[in-house]
Amino acid sequence: MPQKLDKATRTKAMASLNGWAKTRGRDAIHKTFVFTDFNAAFSWMARVAMMAEKLDHHPEWSNVYKTVDVTLTTHDAGGLSDLDIQMARFMDKTAGAAGRKKS
């Protein structure tokens, strides 16, 4: 069973993520990905779904056209765990430009 991250590990992990923020009122993180179109967004979601199955760790997400809003938390651990950090890194890596913070 995954373990909830301690404060020091959480701080270090959050510093290594690009564009992810703490979710207000929950022990979770969230990010919005904006793709070029619906096909790109849905294709990315399918790729992430395959990893989610492999890790047996599934995101909370919603998709409207080319935008995907994601929240990550580990319900079994009662908050943020290493699985969430792994999933966030995978999402960033596979999202390409959609995962980069707009300036």
PDB file of N, CA and C in Angstrom:
ATOM      1  N   MET A   1       0.846  -1.178   0.000  1.00  0.00           N
ATOM      2  CA  MET A   1       0.000   0.000   0.000  1.00  0.00           C
ATOM      3  C   MET A   1       0.893   1.243   0.000  1.00  0.00           C
ATOM      4  N   PRO A   2       0.601   2.209  -0.860  1.00  0.00           N
ATOM      5  CA  PRO A   2       1.415   3.424  -0.913  1.00  0.00           C
ATOM      6  C   PRO A   2       1.301   4.234   0.385  1.00  0.00           C
ATOM      7  N   GLN A   3       2.369   4.928   0.695  1.00  0.00           N
ATOM      8  CA  GLN A   3       2.417   5.749   1.904  1.00  0.00           C
ATOM      9  C   GLN A   3       2.328   7.226   1.544  1.00  0.00           C
ATOM     10  N   LYS A   4       1.640   7.981   2.352  1.00  0.00           N
ATOM     11  CA  LYS A   4       1.547   9.433   2.199  1.00  0.00           C
ATOM     12  C   LYS A   4       2.951  10.032   2.374  1.00  0.00           C
ATOM     13  N   LEU A   5       3.287  10.997   1.535  1.00  0.00           N
ATOM     14  CA  LEU A   5       4.598  11.627   1.610  1.00  0.00           C
ATOM     15  C   LEU A   5       4.733  12.476   2.870  1.00  0.00           C
ATOM     16  N   ASP A   6       5.913  12.409   3.489  1.00  0.00           N
ATOM     17  CA  ASP A   6       6.171  13.294   4.631  1.00  0.00           C
ATOM     18  C   ASP A   6       6.474  14.698   4.091  1.00  0.00           C
ATOM     19  N   LYS A   7       6.498  15.671   4.973  1.00  0.00           N
ATOM     20  CA  LYS A   7       6.621  17.071   4.568  1.00  0.00           C
ATOM     21  C   LYS A   7       7.892  17.341   3.766  1.00  0.00           C
ATOM     22  N   ALA A   8       9.033  16.829   4.214  1.00  0.00           N
ATOM     23  CA  ALA A   8      10.307  17.080   3.518  1.00  0.00           C
ATOM     24  C   ALA A   8      10.297  16.466   2.120  1.00  0.00           C
ATOM     25  N   THR A   9       9.813  15.244   2.002  1.00  0.00           N
ATOM     26  CA  THR A   9       9.759  14.568   0.701  1.00  0.00           C
ATOM     27  C   THR A   9       8.792  15.281  -0.231  1.00  0.00           C
ATOM     28  N   ARG A  10       7.659  15.707   0.310  1.00  0.00           N
ATOM     29  CA  ARG A  10       6.665  16.439  -0.477  1.00  0.00           C
ATOM     30  C   ARG A  10       7.244  17.748  -1.018  1.00  0.00           C
ATOM     31  N   THR A  11       7.946  18.485  -0.174  1.00  0.00           N
ATOM     32  CA  THR A  11       8.537  19.761  -0.583  1.00  0.00           C
ATOM     33  C   THR A  11       9.544  19.546  -1.708  1.00  0.00           C
ATOM     34  N   LYS A  12      10.397  18.551  -1.551  1.00  0.00           N
ATOM     35  CA  LYS A  12      11.405  18.245  -2.573  1.00  0.00           C
ATOM     36  C   LYS A  12      10.728  17.815  -3.874  1.00  0.00           C
ATOM     37  N   ALA A  13       9.716  16.962  -3.781  1.00  0.00           N
ATOM     38  CA  ALA A  13       9.017  16.478  -4.969  1.00  0.00           C
ATOM     39  C   ALA A  13       8.314  17.615  -5.700  1.00  0.00           C
ATOM     40  N   MET A  14       7.642  18.480  -4.968  1.00  0.00           N
ATOM     41  CA  MET A  14       6.923  19.601  -5.591  1.00  0.00           C
ATOM     42  C   MET A  14       7.892  20.540  -6.304  1.00  0.00           C
ATOM     43  N   ALA A  15       9.087  20.722  -5.742  1.00  0.00           N
ATOM     44  CA  ALA A  15      10.087  21.591  -6.367  1.00  0.00           C
ATOM     45  C   ALA A  15      10.574  21.021  -7.696  1.00  0.00           C
ATOM     46  N   SER A  16      10.448  19.700  -7.863  1.00  0.00           N
ATOM     47  CA  SER A  16      10.921  19.064  -9.091  1.00  0.00           C
ATOM     48  C   SER A  16       9.859  19.026 -10.184  1.00  0.00           C
ATOM     49  N   LEU A  17       8.630  19.409  -9.859  1.00  0.00           N
ATOM     50  CA  LEU A  17       7.539  19.379 -10.838  1.00  0.00           C
ATOM     51  C   LEU A  17       7.337  20.751 -11.460  1.00  0.00           C
ATOM     52  N   ASN A  18       6.948  20.756 -12.728  1.00  0.00           N
ATOM     53  CA  ASN A  18       6.754  22.002 -13.463  1.00  0.00           C
ATOM     54  C   ASN A  18       5.270  22.321 -13.623  1.00  0.00           C
ATOM     55  N   GLY A  19       4.813  23.370 -12.946  1.00  0.00           N
ATOM     56  CA  GLY A  19       3.450  23.838 -13.150  1.00  0.00           C
ATOM     57  C   GLY A  19       2.381  23.168 -12.302  1.00  0.00           C
ATOM     58  N   TRP A  20       2.748  22.204 -11.494  1.00  0.00           N
ATOM     59  CA  TRP A  20       1.782  21.550 -10.614  1.00  0.00           C
ATOM     60  C   TRP A  20       1.619  22.389  -9.363  1.00  0.00           C
ATOM     61  N   ALA A  21       0.401  22.462  -8.850  1.00  0.00           N
ATOM     62  CA  ALA A  21       0.115  23.256  -7.654  1.00  0.00           C
ATOM     63  C   ALA A  21      -0.673  22.426  -6.653  1.00  0.00           C
ATOM     64  N   LYS A  22      -0.558  22.800  -5.399  1.00  0.00           N
ATOM     65  CA  LYS A  22      -1.351  22.148  -4.359  1.00  0.00           C
ATOM     66  C   LYS A  22      -2.823  22.467  -4.598  1.00  0.00           C
ATOM     67  N   THR A  23      -3.674  21.500  -4.353  1.00  0.00           N
ATOM     68  CA  THR A  23      -5.112  21.680  -4.504  1.00  0.00           C
ATOM     69  C   THR A  23      -5.668  22.223  -3.194  1.00  0.00           C
ATOM     70  N   ARG A  24      -6.378  23.306  -3.279  1.00  0.00           N
ATOM     71  CA  ARG A  24      -6.932  23.933  -2.085  1.00  0.00           C
ATOM     72  C   ARG A  24      -7.952  23.014  -1.411  1.00  0.00           C
ATOM     73  N   GLY A  25      -7.777  22.825  -0.099  1.00  0.00           N
ATOM     74  CA  GLY A  25      -8.722  22.051   0.675  1.00  0.00           C
ATOM     75  C   GLY A  25      -8.555  20.543   0.592  1.00  0.00           C
ATOM     76  N   ARG A  26      -7.519  20.086  -0.108  1.00  0.00           N
ATOM     77  CA  ARG A  26      -7.274  18.649  -0.262  1.00  0.00           C
ATOM     78  C   ARG A  26      -5.778  18.388  -0.239  1.00  0.00           C
ATOM     79  N   ASP A  27      -5.399  17.183   0.103  1.00  0.00           N
ATOM     80  CA  ASP A  27      -4.009  16.776   0.003  1.00  0.00           C
ATOM     81  C   ASP A  27      -3.811  16.175  -1.388  1.00  0.00           C
ATOM     82  N   ALA A  28      -3.714  17.062  -2.372  1.00  0.00           N
ATOM     83  CA  ALA A  28      -3.646  16.678  -3.778  1.00  0.00           C
ATOM     84  C   ALA A  28      -2.917  17.775  -4.546  1.00  0.00           C
ATOM     85  N   ILE A  29      -2.558  17.463  -5.800  1.00  0.00           N
ATOM     86  CA  ILE A  29      -1.961  18.452  -6.694  1.00  0.00           C
ATOM     87  C   ILE A  29      -2.778  18.490  -7.981  1.00  0.00           C
ATOM     88  N   HIS A  30      -2.706  19.611  -8.677  1.00  0.00           N
ATOM     89  CA  HIS A  30      -3.460  19.730  -9.922  1.00  0.00           C
ATOM     90  C   HIS A  30      -2.672  20.520 -10.963  1.00  0.00           C
ATOM     91  N   LYS A  31      -3.084  20.316 -12.214  1.00  0.00           N
ATOM     92  CA  LYS A  31      -2.482  21.039 -13.340  1.00  0.00           C
ATOM     93  C   LYS A  31      -3.455  20.995 -14.503  1.00  0.00           C
ATOM     94  N   THR A  32      -3.406  22.030 -15.336  1.00  0.00           N
ATOM     95  CA  THR A  32      -4.202  22.084 -16.554  1.00  0.00           C
ATOM     96  C   THR A  32      -3.274  21.975 -17.754  1.00  0.00           C
ATOM     97  N   PHE A  33      -3.584  21.058 -18.637  1.00  0.00           N
ATOM     98  CA  PHE A  33      -2.831  20.859 -19.878  1.00  0.00           C
ATOM     99  C   PHE A  33      -3.682  21.362 -21.041  1.00  0.00           C
ATOM    100  N   VAL A  34      -3.099  22.151 -21.920  1.00  0.00           N
ATOM    101  CA  VAL A  34      -3.813  22.657 -23.083  1.00  0.00           C
ATOM    102  C   VAL A  34      -3.087  22.179 -24.338  1.00  0.00           C
ATOM    103  N   PHE A  35      -3.797  21.402 -25.149  1.00  0.00           N
ATOM    104  CA  PHE A  35      -3.245  20.812 -26.361  1.00  0.00           C
ATOM    105  C   PHE A  35      -3.665  21.613 -27.585  1.00  0.00           C
ATOM    106  N   THR A  36      -3.204  21.207 -28.755  1.00  0.00           N
ATOM    107  CA  THR A  36      -3.540  21.938 -29.982  1.00  0.00           C
ATOM    108  C   THR A  36      -4.979  21.717 -30.412  1.00  0.00           C
ATOM    109  N   ASP A  37      -5.516  20.535 -30.098  1.00  0.00           N
ATOM    110  CA  ASP A  37      -6.895  20.227 -30.475  1.00  0.00           C
ATOM    111  C   ASP A  37      -7.388  19.031 -29.666  1.00  0.00           C
ATOM    112  N   PHE A  38      -8.635  18.649 -29.890  1.00  0.00           N
ATOM    113  CA  PHE A  38      -9.244  17.537 -29.154  1.00  0.00           C
ATOM    114  C   PHE A  38      -8.505  16.230 -29.393  1.00  0.00           C
ATOM    115  N   ASN A  39      -8.113  15.967 -30.638  1.00  0.00           N
ATOM    116  CA  ASN A  39      -7.429  14.725 -30.965  1.00  0.00           C
ATOM    117  C   ASN A  39      -6.128  14.585 -30.170  1.00  0.00           C
ATOM    118  N   ALA A  40      -5.368  15.653 -30.068  1.00  0.00           N
ATOM    119  CA  ALA A  40      -4.110  15.620 -29.308  1.00  0.00           C
ATOM    120  C   ALA A  40      -4.377  15.386 -27.827  1.00  0.00           C
ATOM    121  N   ALA A  41      -5.394  16.049 -27.293  1.00  0.00           N
ATOM    122  CA  ALA A  41      -5.732  15.892 -25.876  1.00  0.00           C
ATOM    123  C   ALA A  41      -6.185  14.460 -25.593  1.00  0.00           C
ATOM    124  N   PHE A  42      -7.069  13.939 -26.435  1.00  0.00           N
ATOM    125  CA  PHE A  42      -7.599  12.604 -26.201  1.00  0.00           C
ATOM    126  C   PHE A  42      -6.538  11.529 -26.395  1.00  0.00           C
ATOM    127  N   SER A  43      -5.667  11.721 -27.364  1.00  0.00           N
ATOM    128  CA  SER A  43      -4.573  10.768 -27.588  1.00  0.00           C
ATOM    129  C   SER A  43      -3.661  10.714 -26.374  1.00  0.00           C
ATOM    130  N   TRP A  44      -3.344  11.875 -25.819  1.00  0.00           N
ATOM    131  CA  TRP A  44      -2.505  11.947 -24.619  1.00  0.00           C
ATOM    132  C   TRP A  44      -3.205  11.256 -23.448  1.00  0.00           C
ATOM    133  N   MET A  45      -4.494  11.503 -23.299  1.00  0.00           N
ATOM    134  CA  MET A  45      -5.234  10.864 -22.216  1.00  0.00           C
ATOM    135  C   MET A  45      -5.198   9.339 -22.348  1.00  0.00           C
ATOM    136  N   ALA A  46      -5.280   8.835 -23.562  1.00  0.00           N
ATOM    137  CA  ALA A  46      -5.214   7.388 -23.775  1.00  0.00           C
ATOM    138  C   ALA A  46      -3.842   6.852 -23.362  1.00  0.00           C
ATOM    139  N   ARG A  47      -2.795   7.588 -23.690  1.00  0.00           N
ATOM    140  CA  ARG A  47      -1.440   7.167 -23.307  1.00  0.00           C
ATOM    141  C   ARG A  47      -1.291   7.176 -21.785  1.00  0.00           C
ATOM    142  N   VAL A  48      -1.803   8.207 -21.144  1.00  0.00           N
ATOM    143  CA  VAL A  48      -1.746   8.291 -19.678  1.00  0.00           C
ATOM    144  C   VAL A  48      -2.574   7.168 -19.053  1.00  0.00           C
ATOM    145  N   ALA A  49      -3.700   6.847 -19.650  1.00  0.00           N
ATOM    146  CA  ALA A  49      -4.556   5.773 -19.132  1.00  0.00           C
ATOM    147  C   ALA A  49      -3.815   4.441 -19.111  1.00  0.00           C
ATOM    148  N   MET A  50      -2.990   4.202 -20.109  1.00  0.00           N
ATOM    149  CA  MET A  50      -2.200   2.960 -20.142  1.00  0.00           C
ATOM    150  C   MET A  50      -1.212   2.929 -18.971  1.00  0.00           C
ATOM    151  N   MET A  51      -0.567   4.047 -18.687  1.00  0.00           N
ATOM    152  CA  MET A  51       0.352   4.113 -17.551  1.00  0.00           C
ATOM    153  C   MET A  51      -0.413   3.986 -16.238  1.00  0.00           C
ATOM    154  N   ALA A  52      -1.578   4.605 -16.155  1.00  0.00           N
ATOM    155  CA  ALA A  52      -2.392   4.516 -14.940  1.00  0.00           C
ATOM    156  C   ALA A  52      -2.744   3.062 -14.634  1.00  0.00           C
ATOM    157  N   GLU A  53      -3.073   2.312 -15.657  1.00  0.00           N
ATOM    158  CA  GLU A  53      -3.374   0.899 -15.469  1.00  0.00           C
ATOM    159  C   GLU A  53      -2.132   0.143 -15.003  1.00  0.00           C
ATOM    160  N   LYS A  54      -1.001   0.455 -15.602  1.00  0.00           N
ATOM    161  CA  LYS A  54       0.252  -0.207 -15.227  1.00  0.00           C
ATOM    162  C   LYS A  54       0.594   0.051 -13.757  1.00  0.00           C
ATOM    163  N   LEU A  55       0.413   1.299 -13.316  1.00  0.00           N
ATOM    164  CA  LEU A  55       0.711   1.668 -11.931  1.00  0.00           C
ATOM    165  C   LEU A  55      -0.440   1.346 -10.973  1.00  0.00           C
ATOM    166  N   ASP A  56      -1.597   0.999 -11.534  1.00  0.00           N
ATOM    167  CA  ASP A  56      -2.826   0.836 -10.761  1.00  0.00           C
ATOM    168  C   ASP A  56      -3.079   2.091  -9.929  1.00  0.00           C
ATOM    169  N   HIS A  57      -2.939   3.221 -10.610  1.00  0.00           N
ATOM    170  CA  HIS A  57      -3.115   4.527  -9.967  1.00  0.00           C
ATOM    171  C   HIS A  57      -3.738   5.466 -10.987  1.00  0.00           C
ATOM    172  N   HIS A  58      -4.960   5.885 -10.741  1.00  0.00           N
ATOM    173  CA  HIS A  58      -5.736   6.583 -11.759  1.00  0.00           C
ATOM    174  C   HIS A  58      -5.989   8.042 -11.389  1.00  0.00           C
ATOM    175  N   PRO A  59      -5.810   8.945 -12.359  1.00  0.00           N
ATOM    176  CA  PRO A  59      -6.011  10.371 -12.091  1.00  0.00           C
ATOM    177  C   PRO A  59      -7.489  10.735 -12.027  1.00  0.00           C
ATOM    178  N   GLU A  60      -7.759  11.827 -11.363  1.00  0.00           N
ATOM    179  CA  GLU A  60      -9.061  12.484 -11.465  1.00  0.00           C
ATOM    180  C   GLU A  60      -8.862  13.515 -12.567  1.00  0.00           C
ATOM    181  N   TRP A  61      -9.638  13.448 -13.615  1.00  0.00           N
ATOM    182  CA  TRP A  61      -9.438  14.393 -14.707  1.00  0.00           C
ATOM    183  C   TRP A  61     -10.717  14.661 -15.468  1.00  0.00           C
ATOM    184  N   SER A  62     -10.698  15.769 -16.190  1.00  0.00           N
ATOM    185  CA  SER A  62     -11.812  16.102 -17.071  1.00  0.00           C
ATOM    186  C   SER A  62     -11.244  16.711 -18.341  1.00  0.00           C
ATOM    187  N   ASN A  63     -11.972  16.524 -19.422  1.00  0.00           N
ATOM    188  CA  ASN A  63     -11.535  16.999 -20.730  1.00  0.00           C
ATOM    189  C   ASN A  63     -12.645  17.795 -21.382  1.00  0.00           C
ATOM    190  N   VAL A  64     -12.328  19.005 -21.789  1.00  0.00           N
ATOM    191  CA  VAL A  64     -13.229  19.809 -22.602  1.00  0.00           C
ATOM    192  C   VAL A  64     -12.420  20.283 -23.802  1.00  0.00           C
ATOM    193  N   TYR A  65     -12.794  19.793 -24.968  1.00  0.00           N
ATOM    194  CA  TYR A  65     -12.133  20.062 -26.231  1.00  0.00           C
ATOM    195  C   TYR A  65     -10.635  19.803 -26.125  1.00  0.00           C
ATOM    196  N   LYS A  66      -9.810  20.833 -26.067  1.00  0.00           N
ATOM    197  CA  LYS A  66      -8.354  20.626 -26.072  1.00  0.00           C
ATOM    198  C   LYS A  66      -7.716  20.806 -24.692  1.00  0.00           C
ATOM    199  N   THR A  67      -8.537  20.948 -23.663  1.00  0.00           N
ATOM    200  CA  THR A  67      -8.044  21.201 -22.307  1.00  0.00           C
ATOM    201  C   THR A  67      -8.329  20.008 -21.401  1.00  0.00           C
ATOM    202  N   VAL A  68      -7.285  19.596 -20.657  1.00  0.00           N
ATOM    203  CA  VAL A  68      -7.431  18.490 -19.712  1.00  0.00           C
ATOM    204  C   VAL A  68      -7.012  19.000 -18.332  1.00  0.00           C
ATOM    205  N   ASP A  69      -7.948  18.976 -17.387  1.00  0.00           N
ATOM    206  CA  ASP A  69      -7.667  19.346 -16.000  1.00  0.00           C
ATOM    207  C   ASP A  69      -7.422  18.063 -15.219  1.00  0.00           C
ATOM    208  N   VAL A  70      -6.306  18.034 -14.488  1.00  0.00           N
ATOM    209  CA  VAL A  70      -5.899  16.826 -13.775  1.00  0.00           C
ATOM    210  C   VAL A  70      -5.711  17.124 -12.291  1.00  0.00           C
ATOM    211  N   THR A  71      -6.201  16.228 -11.449  1.00  0.00           N
ATOM    212  CA  THR A  71      -5.923  16.242 -10.009  1.00  0.00           C
ATOM    213  C   THR A  71      -5.360  14.882  -9.651  1.00  0.00           C
ATOM    214  N   LEU A  72      -4.273  14.892  -8.880  1.00  0.00           N
ATOM    215  CA  LEU A  72      -3.646  13.652  -8.439  1.00  0.00           C
ATOM    216  C   LEU A  72      -3.629  13.582  -6.919  1.00  0.00           C
ATOM    217  N   THR A  73      -4.047  12.463  -6.386  1.00  0.00           N
ATOM    218  CA  THR A  73      -3.980  12.153  -4.967  1.00  0.00           C
ATOM    219  C   THR A  73      -4.081  10.641  -4.839  1.00  0.00           C
ATOM    220  N   THR A  74      -3.603  10.096  -3.754  1.00  0.00           N
ATOM    221  CA  THR A  74      -3.681   8.653  -3.536  1.00  0.00           C
ATOM    222  C   THR A  74      -4.693   8.403  -2.430  1.00  0.00           C
ATOM    223  N   HIS A  75      -5.873   7.975  -2.805  1.00  0.00           N
ATOM    224  CA  HIS A  75      -6.957   7.783  -1.846  1.00  0.00           C
ATOM    225  C   HIS A  75      -6.578   6.767  -0.764  1.00  0.00           C
ATOM    226  N   ASP A  76      -5.906   5.678  -1.169  1.00  0.00           N
ATOM    227  CA  ASP A  76      -5.510   4.648  -0.198  1.00  0.00           C
ATOM    228  C   ASP A  76      -4.534   5.174   0.853  1.00  0.00           C
ATOM    229  N   ALA A  77      -3.735   6.177   0.492  1.00  0.00           N
ATOM    230  CA  ALA A  77      -2.747   6.740   1.428  1.00  0.00           C
ATOM    231  C   ALA A  77      -3.305   7.944   2.179  1.00  0.00           C
ATOM    232  N   GLY A  78      -4.439   8.432   1.767  1.00  0.00           N
ATOM    233  CA  GLY A  78      -5.028   9.603   2.418  1.00  0.00           C
ATOM    234  C   GLY A  78      -4.383  10.905   2.001  1.00  0.00           C
ATOM    235  N   GLY A  79      -3.766  10.917   0.827  1.00  0.00           N
ATOM    236  CA  GLY A  79      -3.134  12.148   0.329  1.00  0.00           C
ATOM    237  C   GLY A  79      -2.057  11.836  -0.696  1.00  0.00           C
ATOM    238  N   LEU A  80      -1.174  12.788  -0.862  1.00  0.00           N
ATOM    239  CA  LEU A  80      -0.133  12.712  -1.883  1.00  0.00           C
ATOM    240  C   LEU A  80       0.876  11.608  -1.572  1.00  0.00           C
ATOM    241  N   SER A  81       1.169  10.769  -2.575  1.00  0.00           N
ATOM    242  CA  SER A  81       2.153   9.701  -2.426  1.00  0.00           C
ATOM    243  C   SER A  81       3.122   9.734  -3.605  1.00  0.00           C
ATOM    244  N   ASP A  82       4.101   8.855  -3.563  1.00  0.00           N
ATOM    245  CA  ASP A  82       5.072   8.761  -4.649  1.00  0.00           C
ATOM    246  C   ASP A  82       4.394   8.412  -5.970  1.00  0.00           C
ATOM    247  N   LEU A  83       3.291   7.684  -5.931  1.00  0.00           N
ATOM    248  CA  LEU A  83       2.563   7.362  -7.159  1.00  0.00           C
ATOM    249  C   LEU A  83       2.089   8.631  -7.869  1.00  0.00           C
ATOM    250  N   ASP A  84       1.660   9.621  -7.105  1.00  0.00           N
ATOM    251  CA  ASP A  84       1.210  10.886  -7.704  1.00  0.00           C
ATOM    252  C   ASP A  84       2.372  11.613  -8.371  1.00  0.00           C
ATOM    253  N   ILE A  85       3.525  11.576  -7.724  1.00  0.00           N
ATOM    254  CA  ILE A  85       4.707  12.232  -8.288  1.00  0.00           C
ATOM    255  C   ILE A  85       5.133  11.516  -9.567  1.00  0.00           C
ATOM    256  N   GLN A  86       5.135  10.189  -9.546  1.00  0.00           N
ATOM    257  CA  GLN A  86       5.465   9.422 -10.758  1.00  0.00           C
ATOM    258  C   GLN A  86       4.502   9.754 -11.890  1.00  0.00           C
ATOM    259  N   MET A  87       3.212   9.809 -11.565  1.00  0.00           N
ATOM    260  CA  MET A  87       2.210  10.087 -12.588  1.00  0.00           C
ATOM    261  C   MET A  87       2.366  11.512 -13.130  1.00  0.00           C
ATOM    262  N   ALA A  88       2.616  12.474 -12.257  1.00  0.00           N
ATOM    263  CA  ALA A  88       2.806  13.862 -12.699  1.00  0.00           C
ATOM    264  C   ALA A  88       4.006  13.965 -13.638  1.00  0.00           C
ATOM    265  N   ARG A  89       5.090  13.309 -13.303  1.00  0.00           N
ATOM    266  CA  ARG A  89       6.287  13.337 -14.159  1.00  0.00           C
ATOM    267  C   ARG A  89       5.998  12.700 -15.515  1.00  0.00           C
ATOM    268  N   PHE A  90       5.287  11.575 -15.510  1.00  0.00           N
ATOM    269  CA  PHE A  90       4.937  10.917 -16.764  1.00  0.00           C
ATOM    270  C   PHE A  90       4.048  11.830 -17.610  1.00  0.00           C
ATOM    271  N   MET A  91       3.072  12.453 -16.989  1.00  0.00           N
ATOM    272  CA  MET A  91       2.180  13.357 -17.723  1.00  0.00           C
ATOM    273  C   MET A  91       2.957  14.507 -18.340  1.00  0.00           C
ATOM    274  N   ASP A  92       3.845  15.115 -17.565  1.00  0.00           N
ATOM    275  CA  ASP A  92       4.649  16.222 -18.092  1.00  0.00           C
ATOM    276  C   ASP A  92       5.521  15.767 -19.261  1.00  0.00           C
ATOM    277  N   LYS A  93       6.156  14.615 -19.101  1.00  0.00           N
ATOM    278  CA  LYS A  93       7.056  14.099 -20.134  1.00  0.00           C
ATOM    279  C   LYS A  93       6.310  13.826 -21.436  1.00  0.00           C
ATOM    280  N   THR A  94       5.128  13.271 -21.341  1.00  0.00           N
ATOM    281  CA  THR A  94       4.392  12.880 -22.550  1.00  0.00           C
ATOM    282  C   THR A  94       3.512  13.991 -23.125  1.00  0.00           C
ATOM    283  N   ALA A  95       3.282  15.048 -22.378  1.00  0.00           N
ATOM    284  CA  ALA A  95       2.421  16.134 -22.875  1.00  0.00           C
ATOM    285  C   ALA A  95       3.145  17.084 -23.808  1.00  0.00           C
ATOM    286  N   GLY A  96       4.467  17.073 -23.786  1.00  0.00           N
ATOM    287  CA  GLY A  96       5.214  17.980 -24.655  1.00  0.00           C
ATOM    288  C   GLY A  96       4.905  19.434 -24.328  1.00  0.00           C
ATOM    289  N   ALA A  97       4.694  20.238 -25.349  1.00  0.00           N
ATOM    290  CA  ALA A  97       4.461  21.679 -25.156  1.00  0.00           C
ATOM    291  C   ALA A  97       3.196  21.951 -24.352  1.00  0.00           C
ATOM    292  N   ALA A  98       2.237  21.043 -24.387  1.00  0.00           N
ATOM    293  CA  ALA A  98       1.002  21.254 -23.625  1.00  0.00           C
ATOM    294  C   ALA A  98       1.263  21.241 -22.125  1.00  0.00           C
ATOM    295  N   GLY A  99       2.359  20.602 -21.703  1.00  0.00           N
ATOM    296  CA  GLY A  99       2.680  20.520 -20.296  1.00  0.00           C
ATOM    297  C   GLY A  99       3.550  21.652 -19.784  1.00  0.00           C
ATOM    298  N   ARG A 100       3.964  22.536 -20.694  1.00  0.00           N
ATOM    299  CA  ARG A 100       4.823  23.639 -20.291  1.00  0.00           C
ATOM    300  C   ARG A 100       3.989  24.839 -19.899  1.00  0.00           C
ATOM    301  N   LYS A 101       4.418  25.497 -18.850  1.00  0.00           N
ATOM    302  CA  LYS A 101       3.721  26.682 -18.365  1.00  0.00           C
ATOM    303  C   LYS A 101       3.848  27.792 -19.409  1.00  0.00           C
ATOM    304  N   LYS A 102       2.739  28.398 -19.719  1.00  0.00           N
ATOM    305  CA  LYS A 102       2.733  29.504 -20.682  1.00  0.00           C
ATOM    306  C   LYS A 102       3.289  30.765 -20.040  1.00  0.00           C
ATOM    307  N   SER A 103       4.117  31.488 -20.790  1.00  0.00           N
ATOM    308  CA  SER A 103       4.682  32.730 -20.232  1.00  0.00           C
ATOM    309  C   SER A 103       3.996  33.946 -20.790  1.00  0.00           C
TER     310      SER A 103
END
